[in-house]
Amino acid sequence: MVTIRFARHGSKRAPFYRIVAADSRDKRDGRFLEILGHYNPVDTAKSLTLKGDRIEYWISKGAQPSESVGRLLKRARREAAAVE
């Protein structure tokens, strides 16, 4: 099963995360299929960049987002709807 989840990078007290599509059996920071975005929680604006078309592609193929990634996707959709 494919999961859309975080892969942690950065140093000990300055993490940033890649949002990746990965096989659910692989390690958190291990092999992945595709990078779908980045999230930096340390940044004051909590910067988030997403490849929306690729995320929708993976979800259409049956990929399940993790809880934390799902919350970020909902927040990004709300913000996008507020801008329109």
PDB file of N, CA and C in Angstrom:
ATOM      1  N   MET A   1       0.840  -1.182   0.000  1.00  0.00           N
ATOM      2  CA  MET A   1       0.000   0.000   0.000  1.00  0.00           C
ATOM      3  C   MET A   1       0.888   1.250   0.000  1.00  0.00           C
ATOM      4  N   VAL A   2       0.517   2.218  -0.783  1.00  0.00           N
ATOM      5  CA  VAL A   2       1.272   3.471  -0.863  1.00  0.00           C
ATOM      6  C   VAL A   2       0.723   4.455   0.164  1.00  0.00           C
ATOM      7  N   THR A   3       1.627   5.109   0.881  1.00  0.00           N
ATOM      8  CA  THR A   3       1.269   6.090   1.894  1.00  0.00           C
ATOM      9  C   THR A   3       1.913   7.423   1.542  1.00  0.00           C
ATOM     10  N   ILE A   4       1.178   8.497   1.755  1.00  0.00           N
ATOM     11  CA  ILE A   4       1.742   9.843   1.618  1.00  0.00           C
ATOM     12  C   ILE A   4       2.085  10.290   3.026  1.00  0.00           C
ATOM     13  N   ARG A   5       3.385  10.475   3.286  1.00  0.00           N
ATOM     14  CA  ARG A   5       3.823  10.744   4.654  1.00  0.00           C
ATOM     15  C   ARG A   5       5.055  11.641   4.659  1.00  0.00           C
ATOM     16  N   PHE A   6       5.507  11.970   5.885  1.00  0.00           N
ATOM     17  CA  PHE A   6       6.692  12.789   6.074  1.00  0.00           C
ATOM     18  C   PHE A   6       7.957  11.939   6.034  1.00  0.00           C
ATOM     19  N   ALA A   7       9.031  12.531   5.526  1.00  0.00           N
ATOM     20  CA  ALA A   7      10.380  11.998   5.673  1.00  0.00           C
ATOM     21  C   ALA A   7      11.184  13.112   6.330  1.00  0.00           C
ATOM     22  N   ARG A   8      11.741  12.853   7.501  1.00  0.00           N
ATOM     23  CA  ARG A   8      12.402  13.902   8.277  1.00  0.00           C
ATOM     24  C   ARG A   8      13.824  14.134   7.786  1.00  0.00           C
ATOM     25  N   HIS A   9      14.171  15.404   7.661  1.00  0.00           N
ATOM     26  CA  HIS A   9      15.520  15.812   7.292  1.00  0.00           C
ATOM     27  C   HIS A   9      15.905  16.993   8.159  1.00  0.00           C
ATOM     28  N   GLY A  10      17.113  17.484   8.014  1.00  0.00           N
ATOM     29  CA  GLY A  10      17.574  18.615   8.811  1.00  0.00           C
ATOM     30  C   GLY A  10      18.390  18.145   9.994  1.00  0.00           C
ATOM     31  N   SER A  11      18.752  19.102  10.837  1.00  0.00           N
ATOM     32  CA  SER A  11      19.588  18.777  11.983  1.00  0.00           C
ATOM     33  C   SER A  11      18.736  18.509  13.222  1.00  0.00           C
ATOM     34  N   LYS A  12      19.409  18.293  14.334  1.00  0.00           N
ATOM     35  CA  LYS A  12      18.736  17.853  15.548  1.00  0.00           C
ATOM     36  C   LYS A  12      17.617  18.797  16.008  1.00  0.00           C
ATOM     37  N   ARG A  13      17.885  20.080  16.047  1.00  0.00           N
ATOM     38  CA  ARG A  13      16.858  21.014  16.539  1.00  0.00           C
ATOM     39  C   ARG A  13      16.285  21.900  15.446  1.00  0.00           C
ATOM     40  N   ALA A  14      16.530  21.550  14.205  1.00  0.00           N
ATOM     41  CA  ALA A  14      16.005  22.323  13.078  1.00  0.00           C
ATOM     42  C   ALA A  14      15.498  21.368  11.996  1.00  0.00           C
ATOM     43  N   PRO A  15      14.418  20.642  12.305  1.00  0.00           N
ATOM     44  CA  PRO A  15      13.933  19.674  11.324  1.00  0.00           C
ATOM     45  C   PRO A  15      13.166  20.350  10.196  1.00  0.00           C
ATOM     46  N   PHE A  16      13.176  19.714   9.054  1.00  0.00           N
ATOM     47  CA  PHE A  16      12.223  20.028   7.999  1.00  0.00           C
ATOM     48  C   PHE A  16      11.819  18.697   7.398  1.00  0.00           C
ATOM     49  N   TYR A  17      10.703  18.683   6.744  1.00  0.00           N
ATOM     50  CA  TYR A  17      10.136  17.432   6.279  1.00  0.00           C
ATOM     51  C   TYR A  17       9.863  17.478   4.783  1.00  0.00           C
ATOM     52  N   ARG A  18      10.117  16.360   4.130  1.00  0.00           N
ATOM     53  CA  ARG A  18       9.667  16.164   2.763  1.00  0.00           C
ATOM     54  C   ARG A  18       8.365  15.390   2.846  1.00  0.00           C
ATOM     55  N   ILE A  19       7.430  15.747   2.015  1.00  0.00           N
ATOM     56  CA  ILE A  19       6.198  14.979   1.904  1.00  0.00           C
ATOM     57  C   ILE A  19       6.411  14.041   0.725  1.00  0.00           C
ATOM     58  N   VAL A  20       6.359  12.736   0.990  1.00  0.00           N
ATOM     59  CA  VAL A  20       6.702  11.751  -0.025  1.00  0.00           C
ATOM     60  C   VAL A  20       5.607  10.703  -0.169  1.00  0.00           C
ATOM     61  N   ALA A  21       5.572  10.092  -1.335  1.00  0.00           N
ATOM     62  CA  ALA A  21       4.769   8.899  -1.561  1.00  0.00           C
ATOM     63  C   ALA A  21       5.709   7.726  -1.384  1.00  0.00           C
ATOM     64  N   ALA A  22       5.380   6.821  -0.474  1.00  0.00           N
ATOM     65  CA  ALA A  22       6.266   5.696  -0.171  1.00  0.00           C
ATOM     66  C   ALA A  22       5.445   4.459   0.121  1.00  0.00           C
ATOM     67  N   ASP A  23       6.057   3.313  -0.065  1.00  0.00           N
ATOM     68  CA  ASP A  23       5.436   2.058   0.316  1.00  0.00           C
ATOM     69  C   ASP A  23       5.332   2.052   1.837  1.00  0.00           C
ATOM     70  N   SER A  24       4.208   1.628   2.363  1.00  0.00           N
ATOM     71  CA  SER A  24       3.990   1.691   3.810  1.00  0.00           C
ATOM     72  C   SER A  24       4.936   0.771   4.579  1.00  0.00           C
ATOM     73  N   ARG A  25       5.547  -0.204   3.917  1.00  0.00           N
ATOM     74  CA  ARG A  25       6.461  -1.119   4.595  1.00  0.00           C
ATOM     75  C   ARG A  25       7.877  -0.570   4.702  1.00  0.00           C
ATOM     76  N   ASP A  26       8.189   0.489   3.953  1.00  0.00           N
ATOM     77  CA  ASP A  26       9.533   1.067   3.985  1.00  0.00           C
ATOM     78  C   ASP A  26       9.709   1.957   5.212  1.00  0.00           C
ATOM     79  N   LYS A  27      10.972   2.204   5.577  1.00  0.00           N
ATOM     80  CA  LYS A  27      11.280   3.043   6.730  1.00  0.00           C
ATOM     81  C   LYS A  27      10.852   4.484   6.487  1.00  0.00           C
ATOM     82  N   ARG A  28      10.695   5.229   7.571  1.00  0.00           N
ATOM     83  CA  ARG A  28      10.236   6.620   7.471  1.00  0.00           C
ATOM     84  C   ARG A  28      11.131   7.450   6.568  1.00  0.00           C
ATOM     85  N   ASP A  29      12.433   7.349   6.745  1.00  0.00           N
ATOM     86  CA  ASP A  29      13.366   8.147   5.955  1.00  0.00           C
ATOM     87  C   ASP A  29      14.019   7.320   4.848  1.00  0.00           C
ATOM     88  N   GLY A  30      13.462   6.167   4.575  1.00  0.00           N
ATOM     89  CA  GLY A  30      14.056   5.273   3.594  1.00  0.00           C
ATOM     90  C   GLY A  30      13.589   5.546   2.176  1.00  0.00           C
ATOM     91  N   ARG A  31      13.469   4.482   1.427  1.00  0.00           N
ATOM     92  CA  ARG A  31      13.125   4.559   0.013  1.00  0.00           C
ATOM     93  C   ARG A  31      11.728   5.161  -0.172  1.00  0.00           C
ATOM     94  N   PHE A  32      11.578   5.978  -1.193  1.00  0.00           N
ATOM     95  CA  PHE A  32      10.283   6.575  -1.503  1.00  0.00           C
ATOM     96  C   PHE A  32      10.081   6.556  -3.007  1.00  0.00           C
ATOM     97  N   LEU A  33       8.844   6.768  -3.418  1.00  0.00           N
ATOM     98  CA  LEU A  33       8.505   6.739  -4.837  1.00  0.00           C
ATOM     99  C   LEU A  33       8.638   8.108  -5.485  1.00  0.00           C
ATOM    100  N   GLU A  34       8.210   9.156  -4.761  1.00  0.00           N
ATOM    101  CA  GLU A  34       8.234  10.504  -5.329  1.00  0.00           C
ATOM    102  C   GLU A  34       8.146  11.539  -4.214  1.00  0.00           C
ATOM    103  N   ILE A  35       8.831  12.657  -4.391  1.00  0.00           N
ATOM    104  CA  ILE A  35       8.723  13.788  -3.472  1.00  0.00           C
ATOM    105  C   ILE A  35       7.529  14.628  -3.916  1.00  0.00           C
ATOM    106  N   LEU A  36       6.613  14.883  -2.983  1.00  0.00           N
ATOM    107  CA  LEU A  36       5.381  15.605  -3.301  1.00  0.00           C
ATOM    108  C   LEU A  36       5.339  17.003  -2.704  1.00  0.00           C
ATOM    109  N   GLY A  37       6.294  17.351  -1.872  1.00  0.00           N
ATOM    110  CA  GLY A  37       6.310  18.687  -1.282  1.00  0.00           C
ATOM    111  C   GLY A  37       7.288  18.775  -0.133  1.00  0.00           C
ATOM    112  N   HIS A  38       7.294  19.948   0.519  1.00  0.00           N
ATOM    113  CA  HIS A  38       8.176  20.225   1.652  1.00  0.00           C
ATOM    114  C   HIS A  38       7.374  20.950   2.721  1.00  0.00           C
ATOM    115  N   TYR A  39       7.763  20.733   3.991  1.00  0.00           N
ATOM    116  CA  TYR A  39       7.131  21.423   5.115  1.00  0.00           C
ATOM    117  C   TYR A  39       8.221  21.789   6.108  1.00  0.00           C
ATOM    118  N   ASN A  40       8.251  23.065   6.509  1.00  0.00           N
ATOM    119  CA  ASN A  40       9.234  23.542   7.475  1.00  0.00           C
ATOM    120  C   ASN A  40       8.490  24.095   8.686  1.00  0.00           C
ATOM    121  N   PRO A  41       8.355  23.312   9.767  1.00  0.00           N
ATOM    122  CA  PRO A  41       7.625  23.781  10.947  1.00  0.00           C
ATOM    123  C   PRO A  41       8.398  24.788  11.781  1.00  0.00           C
ATOM    124  N   VAL A  42       9.712  24.904  11.589  1.00  0.00           N
ATOM    125  CA  VAL A  42      10.530  25.827  12.377  1.00  0.00           C
ATOM    126  C   VAL A  42      10.364  27.250  11.867  1.00  0.00           C
ATOM    127  N   ASP A  43      10.126  27.405  10.586  1.00  0.00           N
ATOM    128  CA  ASP A  43       9.930  28.714   9.985  1.00  0.00           C
ATOM    129  C   ASP A  43       8.723  29.397  10.637  1.00  0.00           C
ATOM    130  N   THR A  44       8.805  30.713  10.858  1.00  0.00           N
ATOM    131  CA  THR A  44       7.708  31.426  11.523  1.00  0.00           C
ATOM    132  C   THR A  44       6.409  31.338  10.723  1.00  0.00           C
ATOM    133  N   ALA A  45       6.500  31.273   9.399  1.00  0.00           N
ATOM    134  CA  ALA A  45       5.302  31.145   8.569  1.00  0.00           C
ATOM    135  C   ALA A  45       4.908  29.686   8.367  1.00  0.00           C
ATOM    136  N   LYS A  46       5.681  28.751   8.932  1.00  0.00           N
ATOM    137  CA  LYS A  46       5.463  27.321   8.756  1.00  0.00           C
ATOM    138  C   LYS A  46       5.260  27.000   7.278  1.00  0.00           C
ATOM    139  N   SER A  47       6.280  27.284   6.496  1.00  0.00           N
ATOM    140  CA  SER A  47       6.187  27.202   5.041  1.00  0.00           C
ATOM    141  C   SER A  47       5.837  25.792   4.577  1.00  0.00           C
ATOM    142  N   LEU A  48       4.958  25.756   3.602  1.00  0.00           N
ATOM    143  CA  LEU A  48       4.453  24.514   3.041  1.00  0.00           C
ATOM    144  C   LEU A  48       4.399  24.661   1.528  1.00  0.00           C
ATOM    145  N   THR A  49       5.030  23.761   0.808  1.00  0.00           N
ATOM    146  CA  THR A  49       4.935  23.730  -0.648  1.00  0.00           C
ATOM    147  C   THR A  49       4.465  22.346  -1.046  1.00  0.00           C
ATOM    148  N   LEU A  50       3.500  22.304  -1.943  1.00  0.00           N
ATOM    149  CA  LEU A  50       2.910  21.042  -2.375  1.00  0.00           C
ATOM    150  C   LEU A  50       2.842  20.970  -3.886  1.00  0.00           C
ATOM    151  N   LYS A  51       2.948  19.769  -4.415  1.00  0.00           N
ATOM    152  CA  LYS A  51       2.685  19.500  -5.825  1.00  0.00           C
ATOM    153  C   LYS A  51       1.278  18.910  -5.882  1.00  0.00           C
ATOM    154  N   GLY A  52       0.286  19.795  -5.962  1.00  0.00           N
ATOM    155  CA  GLY A  52      -1.108  19.392  -5.859  1.00  0.00           C
ATOM    156  C   GLY A  52      -1.534  18.363  -6.884  1.00  0.00           C
ATOM    157  N   ASP A  53      -1.092  18.531  -8.127  1.00  0.00           N
ATOM    158  CA  ASP A  53      -1.501  17.594  -9.166  1.00  0.00           C
ATOM    159  C   ASP A  53      -0.952  16.193  -8.898  1.00  0.00           C
ATOM    160  N   ARG A  54       0.277  16.101  -8.402  1.00  0.00           N
ATOM    161  CA  ARG A  54       0.863  14.788  -8.115  1.00  0.00           C
ATOM    162  C   ARG A  54       0.230  14.154  -6.869  1.00  0.00           C
ATOM    163  N   ILE A  55      -0.141  14.972  -5.888  1.00  0.00           N
ATOM    164  CA  ILE A  55      -0.818  14.439  -4.708  1.00  0.00           C
ATOM    165  C   ILE A  55      -2.168  13.865  -5.108  1.00  0.00           C
ATOM    166  N   GLU A  56      -2.909  14.599  -5.933  1.00  0.00           N
ATOM    167  CA  GLU A  56      -4.203  14.091  -6.410  1.00  0.00           C
ATOM    168  C   GLU A  56      -4.030  12.818  -7.229  1.00  0.00           C
ATOM    169  N   TYR A  57      -2.951  12.736  -8.014  1.00  0.00           N
ATOM    170  CA  TYR A  57      -2.672  11.530  -8.787  1.00  0.00           C
ATOM    171  C   TYR A  57      -2.497  10.330  -7.861  1.00  0.00           C
ATOM    172  N   TRP A  58      -1.671  10.469  -6.834  1.00  0.00           N
ATOM    173  CA  TRP A  58      -1.415   9.348  -5.936  1.00  0.00           C
ATOM    174  C   TRP A  58      -2.663   8.964  -5.153  1.00  0.00           C
ATOM    175  N   ILE A  59      -3.446   9.938  -4.732  1.00  0.00           N
ATOM    176  CA  ILE A  59      -4.686   9.631  -4.018  1.00  0.00           C
ATOM    177  C   ILE A  59      -5.648   8.888  -4.938  1.00  0.00           C
ATOM    178  N   SER A  60      -5.692   9.283  -6.215  1.00  0.00           N
ATOM    179  CA  SER A  60      -6.566   8.580  -7.164  1.00  0.00           C
ATOM    180  C   SER A  60      -6.115   7.143  -7.396  1.00  0.00           C
ATOM    181  N   LYS A  61      -4.836   6.871  -7.197  1.00  0.00           N
ATOM    182  CA  LYS A  61      -4.306   5.512  -7.344  1.00  0.00           C
ATOM    183  C   LYS A  61      -4.447   4.695  -6.060  1.00  0.00           C
ATOM    184  N   GLY A  62      -5.011   5.289  -5.007  1.00  0.00           N
ATOM    185  CA  GLY A  62      -5.269   4.550  -3.771  1.00  0.00           C
ATOM    186  C   GLY A  62      -4.336   4.854  -2.622  1.00  0.00           C
ATOM    187  N   ALA A  63      -3.461   5.835  -2.760  1.00  0.00           N
ATOM    188  CA  ALA A  63      -2.551   6.186  -1.674  1.00  0.00           C
ATOM    189  C   ALA A  63      -3.327   6.822  -0.524  1.00  0.00           C
ATOM    190  N   GLN A  64      -2.917   6.512   0.696  1.00  0.00           N
ATOM    191  CA  GLN A  64      -3.559   7.054   1.885  1.00  0.00           C
ATOM    192  C   GLN A  64      -2.610   8.026   2.579  1.00  0.00           C
ATOM    193  N   PRO A  65      -3.034   9.272   2.811  1.00  0.00           N
ATOM    194  CA  PRO A  65      -2.167  10.194   3.557  1.00  0.00           C
ATOM    195  C   PRO A  65      -2.138   9.821   5.043  1.00  0.00           C
ATOM    196  N   SER A  66      -1.004  10.053   5.685  1.00  0.00           N
ATOM    197  CA  SER A  66      -0.910   9.834   7.124  1.00  0.00           C
ATOM    198  C   SER A  66      -1.764  10.891   7.829  1.00  0.00           C
ATOM    199  N   GLU A  67      -1.958  10.742   9.135  1.00  0.00           N
ATOM    200  CA  GLU A  67      -2.782  11.704   9.877  1.00  0.00           C
ATOM    201  C   GLU A  67      -2.234  13.119   9.770  1.00  0.00           C
ATOM    202  N   SER A  68      -0.938  13.268  10.011  1.00  0.00           N
ATOM    203  CA  SER A  68      -0.338  14.603  10.020  1.00  0.00           C
ATOM    204  C   SER A  68      -0.332  15.221   8.625  1.00  0.00           C
ATOM    205  N   VAL A  69      -0.050  14.446   7.610  1.00  0.00           N
ATOM    206  CA  VAL A  69      -0.080  14.965   6.243  1.00  0.00           C
ATOM    207  C   VAL A  69      -1.514  15.296   5.850  1.00  0.00           C
ATOM    208  N   GLY A  70      -2.465  14.488   6.284  1.00  0.00           N
ATOM    209  CA  GLY A  70      -3.875  14.761   6.003  1.00  0.00           C
ATOM    210  C   GLY A  70      -4.318  16.096   6.578  1.00  0.00           C
ATOM    211  N   ARG A  71      -3.861  16.408   7.808  1.00  0.00           N
ATOM    212  CA  ARG A  71      -4.199  17.708   8.409  1.00  0.00           C
ATOM    213  C   ARG A  71      -3.619  18.853   7.595  1.00  0.00           C
ATOM    214  N   LEU A  72      -2.375  18.693   7.133  1.00  0.00           N
ATOM    215  CA  LEU A  72      -1.754  19.742   6.320  1.00  0.00           C
ATOM    216  C   LEU A  72      -2.484  19.916   4.988  1.00  0.00           C
ATOM    217  N   LEU A  73      -2.900  18.832   4.380  1.00  0.00           N
ATOM    218  CA  LEU A  73      -3.623  18.917   3.107  1.00  0.00           C
ATOM    219  C   LEU A  73      -4.963  19.634   3.282  1.00  0.00           C
ATOM    220  N   LYS A  74      -5.663  19.333   4.382  1.00  0.00           N
ATOM    221  CA  LYS A  74      -6.931  20.020   4.654  1.00  0.00           C
ATOM    222  C   LYS A  74      -6.700  21.513   4.850  1.00  0.00           C
ATOM    223  N   ARG A  75      -5.643  21.857   5.602  1.00  0.00           N
ATOM    224  CA  ARG A  75      -5.333  23.276   5.834  1.00  0.00           C
ATOM    225  C   ARG A  75      -5.000  23.975   4.521  1.00  0.00           C
ATOM    226  N   ALA A  76      -4.235  23.317   3.664  1.00  0.00           N
ATOM    227  CA  ALA A  76      -3.865  23.915   2.374  1.00  0.00           C
ATOM    228  C   ALA A  76      -5.096  24.103   1.487  1.00  0.00           C
ATOM    229  N   ARG A  77      -6.018  23.153   1.521  1.00  0.00           N
ATOM    230  CA  ARG A  77      -7.255  23.278   0.720  1.00  0.00           C
ATOM    231  C   ARG A  77      -8.116  24.440   1.219  1.00  0.00           C
ATOM    232  N   ARG A  78      -8.194  24.571   2.569  1.00  0.00           N
ATOM    233  CA  ARG A  78      -8.975  25.690   3.133  1.00  0.00           C
ATOM    234  C   ARG A  78      -8.381  27.025   2.735  1.00  0.00           C
ATOM    235  N   GLU A  79      -7.063  27.125   2.826  1.00  0.00           N
ATOM    236  CA  GLU A  79      -6.398  28.391   2.472  1.00  0.00           C
ATOM    237  C   GLU A  79      -6.550  28.697   0.991  1.00  0.00           C
ATOM    238  N   ALA A  80      -6.496  27.677   0.151  1.00  0.00           N
ATOM    239  CA  ALA A  80      -6.674  27.876  -1.285  1.00  0.00           C
ATOM    240  C   ALA A  80      -8.106  28.314  -1.590  1.00  0.00           C
ATOM    241  N   ALA A  81      -9.081  27.766  -0.876  1.00  0.00           N
ATOM    242  CA  ALA A  81     -10.475  28.147  -1.092  1.00  0.00           C
ATOM    243  C   ALA A  81     -10.712  29.582  -0.613  1.00  0.00           C
ATOM    244  N   ALA A  82     -10.037  29.988   0.447  1.00  0.00           N
ATOM    245  CA  ALA A  82     -10.202  31.344   0.964  1.00  0.00           C
ATOM    246  C   ALA A  82      -9.621  32.372   0.008  1.00  0.00           C
ATOM    247  N   VAL A  83      -8.581  32.007  -0.724  1.00  0.00           N
ATOM    248  CA  VAL A  83      -7.946  32.931  -1.665  1.00  0.00           C
ATOM    249  C   VAL A  83      -8.834  33.140  -2.898  1.00  0.00           C
ATOM    250  N   GLU A  84      -9.535  32.091  -3.310  1.00  0.00           N
ATOM    251  CA  GLU A  84     -10.360  32.185  -4.526  1.00  0.00           C
ATOM    252  C   GLU A  84     -11.596  32.996  -4.334  1.00  0.00           C
TER     253      GLU A  84
END
